[in-house]
Amino acid sequence: MSVYRVLDKLESYVHEGTWLPAGYRILSEERLVEFVEKIRSTLPKEVGRAQIIAKDQERVMRAAQEKADELIDDHEIAQRARTTAEVVLREAEERARKIREGADHYAAQVLAEMEARLAAAIGSVQKGRAALTNAPKPVAAPQQQPLADAAAKSKRAAFDLHTAEETGELEPVDAVKA
């Protein structure tokens, strides 16, 4: 017997029931339970499987939603990590730029000092050569005059030191003990 046929019989039974006032009918509980049991027994096995699949579908949907939430969280974490990495990289590049600028400035200062010392040394060499050859002293250019004066003072100090060592007023440097 098919489910539809049992449902048709149930419907007929309900219509044949005894009428009461206020639109109620009297039906036999045993007879109704009998129809329900017939309906259950005539339902195809696929309906039971469909119920299992429906329950499974809810579980699968929940699992898929949880996985999607995890992926979204992972994506947000990765996005935050990228942003943080970009900030760190920019800061590192800025620090490197400042370090390079500082190093360049320091190198320029050192080279300027070396240039001044070399100019003083060249002035001393020129005066020494002039003294040895008894040649007239070359006239220094106005901008080289301070360098020449510094060289002359350096030479005079070395001469005075040497003279003091020879006269015994000062112990030679080699004789000084630590």
C-alpha atoms as a PDB file:
ATOM      1  CA  MET A   1       0.000   0.000   0.000  1.00  0.00           C
ATOM      2  CA  SER A   2       1.363   3.450  -0.854  1.00  0.00           C
ATOM      3  CA  VAL A   3       1.713   6.351   1.532  1.00  0.00           C
ATOM      4  CA  TYR A   4      -0.727   8.407  -0.522  1.00  0.00           C
ATOM      5  CA  ARG A   5      -3.391   5.721  -0.300  1.00  0.00           C
ATOM      6  CA  VAL A   6      -3.036   5.508   3.503  1.00  0.00           C
ATOM      7  CA  LEU A   7      -3.246   9.302   3.722  1.00  0.00           C
ATOM      8  CA  ASP A   8      -6.425   9.256   1.607  1.00  0.00           C
ATOM      9  CA  LYS A   9      -7.991   6.670   3.972  1.00  0.00           C
ATOM     10  CA  LEU A  10      -7.009   8.772   7.002  1.00  0.00           C
ATOM     11  CA  GLU A  11      -8.586  11.839   5.466  1.00  0.00           C
ATOM     12  CA  SER A  12     -11.814   9.890   4.748  1.00  0.00           C
ATOM     13  CA  TYR A  13     -11.893   8.601   8.319  1.00  0.00           C
ATOM     14  CA  VAL A  14     -11.550  12.140   9.689  1.00  0.00           C
ATOM     15  CA  HIS A  15     -14.464  13.314   7.475  1.00  0.00           C
ATOM     16  CA  GLU A  16     -16.643  10.376   8.562  1.00  0.00           C
ATOM     17  CA  GLY A  17     -16.132  11.049  12.275  1.00  0.00           C
ATOM     18  CA  THR A  18     -19.065  12.043  14.533  1.00  0.00           C
ATOM     19  CA  TRP A  19     -19.719  15.779  14.657  1.00  0.00           C
ATOM     20  CA  LEU A  20     -19.930  17.672  17.926  1.00  0.00           C
ATOM     21  CA  PRO A  21     -21.055  21.240  18.528  1.00  0.00           C
ATOM     22  CA  ALA A  22     -18.417  23.987  17.967  1.00  0.00           C
ATOM     23  CA  GLY A  23     -16.934  22.109  14.960  1.00  0.00           C
ATOM     24  CA  TYR A  24     -15.273  19.217  16.774  1.00  0.00           C
ATOM     25  CA  ARG A  25     -15.308  15.554  15.686  1.00  0.00           C
ATOM     26  CA  ILE A  26     -14.929  12.382  17.643  1.00  0.00           C
ATOM     27  CA  LEU A  27     -12.294   9.969  16.316  1.00  0.00           C
ATOM     28  CA  SER A  28     -10.900   6.741  17.677  1.00  0.00           C
ATOM     29  CA  GLU A  29      -7.366   7.075  19.031  1.00  0.00           C
ATOM     30  CA  GLU A  30      -6.620   3.440  18.160  1.00  0.00           C
ATOM     31  CA  ARG A  31      -7.741   3.977  14.592  1.00  0.00           C
ATOM     32  CA  LEU A  32      -5.564   7.159  14.247  1.00  0.00           C
ATOM     33  CA  VAL A  33      -2.495   5.363  15.645  1.00  0.00           C
ATOM     34  CA  GLU A  34      -3.166   2.512  13.203  1.00  0.00           C
ATOM     35  CA  PHE A  35      -3.113   4.960  10.273  1.00  0.00           C
ATOM     36  CA  VAL A  36       0.131   6.574  11.526  1.00  0.00           C
ATOM     37  CA  GLU A  37       1.785   3.138  11.804  1.00  0.00           C
ATOM     38  CA  LYS A  38       0.673   2.250   8.261  1.00  0.00           C
ATOM     39  CA  ILE A  39       2.108   5.530   6.984  1.00  0.00           C
ATOM     40  CA  ARG A  40       5.410   4.850   8.723  1.00  0.00           C
ATOM     41  CA  SER A  41       5.610   1.331   7.382  1.00  0.00           C
ATOM     42  CA  THR A  42       4.878   2.442   3.824  1.00  0.00           C
ATOM     43  CA  LEU A  43       7.403   5.283   3.807  1.00  0.00           C
ATOM     44  CA  PRO A  44      10.335   4.405   1.573  1.00  0.00           C
ATOM     45  CA  LYS A  45      13.742   3.799   3.147  1.00  0.00           C
ATOM     46  CA  GLU A  46      14.988   6.871   1.325  1.00  0.00           C
ATOM     47  CA  VAL A  47      13.004   9.109   3.691  1.00  0.00           C
ATOM     48  CA  GLY A  48      14.991   7.708   6.632  1.00  0.00           C
ATOM     49  CA  ARG A  49      18.176   8.194   4.712  1.00  0.00           C
ATOM     50  CA  ALA A  50      17.090  11.734   3.864  1.00  0.00           C
ATOM     51  CA  GLN A  51      16.664  12.456   7.572  1.00  0.00           C
ATOM     52  CA  ILE A  52      20.172  11.155   8.250  1.00  0.00           C
ATOM     53  CA  ILE A  53      21.512  13.217   5.354  1.00  0.00           C
ATOM     54  CA  ALA A  54      19.679  16.300   6.646  1.00  0.00           C
ATOM     55  CA  LYS A  55      21.257  15.842  10.083  1.00  0.00           C
ATOM     56  CA  ASP A  56      24.634  15.222   8.442  1.00  0.00           C
ATOM     57  CA  GLN A  57      24.157  18.321   6.303  1.00  0.00           C
ATOM     58  CA  GLU A  58      23.771  20.475   9.400  1.00  0.00           C
ATOM     59  CA  ARG A  59      26.962  18.997  10.863  1.00  0.00           C
ATOM     60  CA  VAL A  60      28.845  19.499   7.586  1.00  0.00           C
ATOM     61  CA  MET A  61      27.536  23.065   7.300  1.00  0.00           C
ATOM     62  CA  ARG A  62      28.684  23.848  10.851  1.00  0.00           C
ATOM     63  CA  ALA A  63      32.117  22.351  10.129  1.00  0.00           C
ATOM     64  CA  ALA A  64      32.374  24.339   6.888  1.00  0.00           C
ATOM     65  CA  GLN A  65      31.402  27.546   8.693  1.00  0.00           C
ATOM     66  CA  GLU A  66      34.003  26.889  11.393  1.00  0.00           C
ATOM     67  CA  LYS A  67      36.664  26.252   8.741  1.00  0.00           C
ATOM     68  CA  ALA A  68      35.672  29.445   6.935  1.00  0.00           C
ATOM     69  CA  ASP A  69      35.922  31.371  10.195  1.00  0.00           C
ATOM     70  CA  GLU A  70      39.399  29.902  10.774  1.00  0.00           C
ATOM     71  CA  LEU A  71      40.484  30.889   7.269  1.00  0.00           C
ATOM     72  CA  ILE A  72      39.159  34.392   7.789  1.00  0.00           C
ATOM     73  CA  ASP A  73      41.041  34.624  11.090  1.00  0.00           C
ATOM     74  CA  ASP A  74      44.205  33.300   9.408  1.00  0.00           C
ATOM     75  CA  HIS A  75      43.773  35.842   6.616  1.00  0.00           C
ATOM     76  CA  GLU A  76      43.367  38.661   9.135  1.00  0.00           C
ATOM     77  CA  ILE A  77      46.449  37.487  11.025  1.00  0.00           C
ATOM     78  CA  ALA A  78      48.435  37.313   7.789  1.00  0.00           C
ATOM     79  CA  GLN A  79      47.210  40.786   6.805  1.00  0.00           C
ATOM     80  CA  ARG A  80      48.257  42.180  10.194  1.00  0.00           C
ATOM     81  CA  ALA A  81      51.633  40.447   9.851  1.00  0.00           C
ATOM     82  CA  ARG A  82      52.146  41.980   6.396  1.00  0.00           C
ATOM     83  CA  THR A  83      51.240  45.424   7.726  1.00  0.00           C
ATOM     84  CA  THR A  84      53.602  45.032  10.671  1.00  0.00           C
ATOM     85  CA  ALA A  85      56.376  43.805   8.366  1.00  0.00           C
ATOM     86  CA  GLU A  86      55.907  46.829   6.106  1.00  0.00           C
ATOM     87  CA  VAL A  87      56.127  49.201   9.087  1.00  0.00           C
ATOM     88  CA  VAL A  88      59.251  47.463  10.408  1.00  0.00           C
ATOM     89  CA  LEU A  89      60.838  47.557   6.953  1.00  0.00           C
ATOM     90  CA  ARG A  90      60.118  51.278   6.552  1.00  0.00           C
ATOM     91  CA  GLU A  91      61.574  51.980  10.000  1.00  0.00           C
ATOM     92  CA  ALA A  92      64.681  49.919   9.215  1.00  0.00           C
ATOM     93  CA  GLU A  93      65.169  51.725   5.907  1.00  0.00           C
ATOM     94  CA  GLU A  94      64.830  55.098   7.674  1.00  0.00           C
ATOM     95  CA  ARG A  95      67.365  54.056  10.339  1.00  0.00           C
ATOM     96  CA  ALA A  96      69.761  52.842   7.641  1.00  0.00           C
ATOM     97  CA  ARG A  97      69.379  56.140   5.772  1.00  0.00           C
ATOM     98  CA  LYS A  98      70.160  58.120   8.939  1.00  0.00           C
ATOM     99  CA  ILE A  99      73.175  55.910   9.703  1.00  0.00           C
ATOM    100  CA  ARG A 100      74.482  56.404   6.147  1.00  0.00           C
ATOM    101  CA  GLU A 101      74.034  60.172   6.458  1.00  0.00           C
ATOM    102  CA  GLY A 102      75.841  60.154   9.808  1.00  0.00           C
ATOM    103  CA  ALA A 103      78.676  58.061   8.403  1.00  0.00           C
ATOM    104  CA  ASP A 104      79.002  60.363   5.389  1.00  0.00           C
ATOM    105  CA  HIS A 105      79.087  63.418   7.667  1.00  0.00           C
ATOM    106  CA  TYR A 106      81.716  61.813   9.907  1.00  0.00           C
ATOM    107  CA  ALA A 107      83.845  60.826   6.890  1.00  0.00           C
ATOM    108  CA  ALA A 108      83.624  64.391   5.560  1.00  0.00           C
ATOM    109  CA  GLN A 109      84.818  65.752   8.929  1.00  0.00           C
ATOM    110  CA  VAL A 110      87.712  63.296   9.113  1.00  0.00           C
ATOM    111  CA  LEU A 111      88.773  64.120   5.552  1.00  0.00           C
ATOM    112  CA  ALA A 112      88.623  67.856   6.285  1.00  0.00           C
ATOM    113  CA  GLU A 113      90.827  67.377   9.359  1.00  0.00           C
ATOM    114  CA  MET A 114      93.259  65.253   7.356  1.00  0.00           C
ATOM    115  CA  GLU A 115      93.346  67.903   4.644  1.00  0.00           C
ATOM    116  CA  ALA A 116      94.208  70.585   7.222  1.00  0.00           C
ATOM    117  CA  ARG A 117      96.965  68.445   8.751  1.00  0.00           C
ATOM    118  CA  LEU A 118      98.401  67.606   5.342  1.00  0.00           C
ATOM    119  CA  ALA A 119      98.368  71.271   4.373  1.00  0.00           C
ATOM    120  CA  ALA A 120     100.253  72.084   7.583  1.00  0.00           C
ATOM    121  CA  ALA A 121     102.724  69.307   6.874  1.00  0.00           C
ATOM    122  CA  ILE A 122     103.266  70.545   3.314  1.00  0.00           C
ATOM    123  CA  GLY A 123     103.865  74.032   4.680  1.00  0.00           C
ATOM    124  CA  SER A 124     106.482  72.637   7.073  1.00  0.00           C
ATOM    125  CA  VAL A 125     108.154  70.705   4.270  1.00  0.00           C
ATOM    126  CA  GLN A 126     108.284  73.803   2.086  1.00  0.00           C
ATOM    127  CA  LYS A 127     109.828  75.894   4.887  1.00  0.00           C
ATOM    128  CA  GLY A 128     112.337  73.145   5.634  1.00  0.00           C
ATOM    129  CA  ARG A 129     113.397  72.946   2.021  1.00  0.00           C
ATOM    130  CA  ALA A 130     113.627  76.697   1.816  1.00  0.00           C
ATOM    131  CA  ALA A 131     115.841  76.782   4.909  1.00  0.00           C
ATOM    132  CA  LEU A 132     118.111  74.097   3.495  1.00  0.00           C
ATOM    133  CA  THR A 133     118.552  75.772   0.165  1.00  0.00           C
ATOM    134  CA  ASN A 134     118.756  79.261   1.641  1.00  0.00           C
ATOM    135  CA  ALA A 135     116.262  80.207  -0.956  1.00  0.00           C
ATOM    136  CA  PRO A 136     113.897  83.047  -0.370  1.00  0.00           C
ATOM    137  CA  LYS A 137     110.723  81.926   1.331  1.00  0.00           C
ATOM    138  CA  PRO A 138     107.806  81.556  -0.980  1.00  0.00           C
ATOM    139  CA  VAL A 139     104.986  83.916  -0.330  1.00  0.00           C
ATOM    140  CA  ALA A 140     102.007  81.975   0.884  1.00  0.00           C
ATOM    141  CA  ALA A 141      98.652  82.627  -0.600  1.00  0.00           C
ATOM    142  CA  PRO A 142      96.354  84.461   1.804  1.00  0.00           C
ATOM    143  CA  GLN A 143      94.271  81.375   2.410  1.00  0.00           C
ATOM    144  CA  GLN A 144      97.344  79.180   3.102  1.00  0.00           C
ATOM    145  CA  GLN A 145      98.899  81.630   5.588  1.00  0.00           C
ATOM    146  CA  PRO A 146      97.169  80.156   8.668  1.00  0.00           C
ATOM    147  CA  LEU A 147      98.345  76.700   7.616  1.00  0.00           C
ATOM    148  CA  ALA A 148     101.884  77.953   7.166  1.00  0.00           C
ATOM    149  CA  ASP A 149     101.776  79.638  10.600  1.00  0.00           C
ATOM    150  CA  ALA A 150     100.520  76.384  12.168  1.00  0.00           C
ATOM    151  CA  ALA A 151     103.328  74.478  10.487  1.00  0.00           C
ATOM    152  CA  ALA A 152     105.916  76.978  11.716  1.00  0.00           C
ATOM    153  CA  LYS A 153     104.638  76.725  15.290  1.00  0.00           C
ATOM    154  CA  SER A 154     104.750  72.924  15.076  1.00  0.00           C
ATOM    155  CA  LYS A 155     108.329  73.024  13.807  1.00  0.00           C
ATOM    156  CA  ARG A 156     109.348  75.508  16.538  1.00  0.00           C
ATOM    157  CA  ALA A 157     107.800  73.294  19.250  1.00  0.00           C
ATOM    158  CA  ALA A 158     109.674  70.243  17.937  1.00  0.00           C
ATOM    159  CA  PHE A 159     112.915  72.221  17.884  1.00  0.00           C
ATOM    160  CA  ASP A 160     112.396  73.491  21.446  1.00  0.00           C
ATOM    161  CA  LEU A 161     111.628  69.965  22.660  1.00  0.00           C
ATOM    162  CA  HIS A 162     114.751  68.602  21.010  1.00  0.00           C
ATOM    163  CA  THR A 163     116.895  71.392  22.515  1.00  0.00           C
ATOM    164  CA  ALA A 164     115.457  70.792  26.000  1.00  0.00           C
ATOM    165  CA  GLU A 165     116.332  67.088  25.765  1.00  0.00           C
ATOM    166  CA  GLU A 166     119.920  67.847  24.711  1.00  0.00           C
ATOM    167  CA  THR A 167     120.534  70.355  27.500  1.00  0.00           C
ATOM    168  CA  GLY A 168     119.169  67.956  30.123  1.00  0.00           C
ATOM    169  CA  GLU A 169     116.242  70.154  31.038  1.00  0.00           C
ATOM    170  CA  LEU A 170     113.952  67.352  29.915  1.00  0.00           C
ATOM    171  CA  GLU A 171     114.501  63.603  29.949  1.00  0.00           C
ATOM    172  CA  PRO A 172     114.461  61.979  26.517  1.00  0.00           C
ATOM    173  CA  VAL A 173     111.192  60.308  25.683  1.00  0.00           C
ATOM    174  CA  ASP A 174     112.858  56.889  25.456  1.00  0.00           C
ATOM    175  CA  ALA A 175     114.068  57.174  29.081  1.00  0.00           C
ATOM    176  CA  VAL A 176     110.628  57.835  30.539  1.00  0.00           C
ATOM    177  CA  LYS A 177     109.398  54.749  32.395  1.00  0.00           C
ATOM    178  CA  ALA A 178     105.763  53.824  32.772  1.00  0.00           C
END
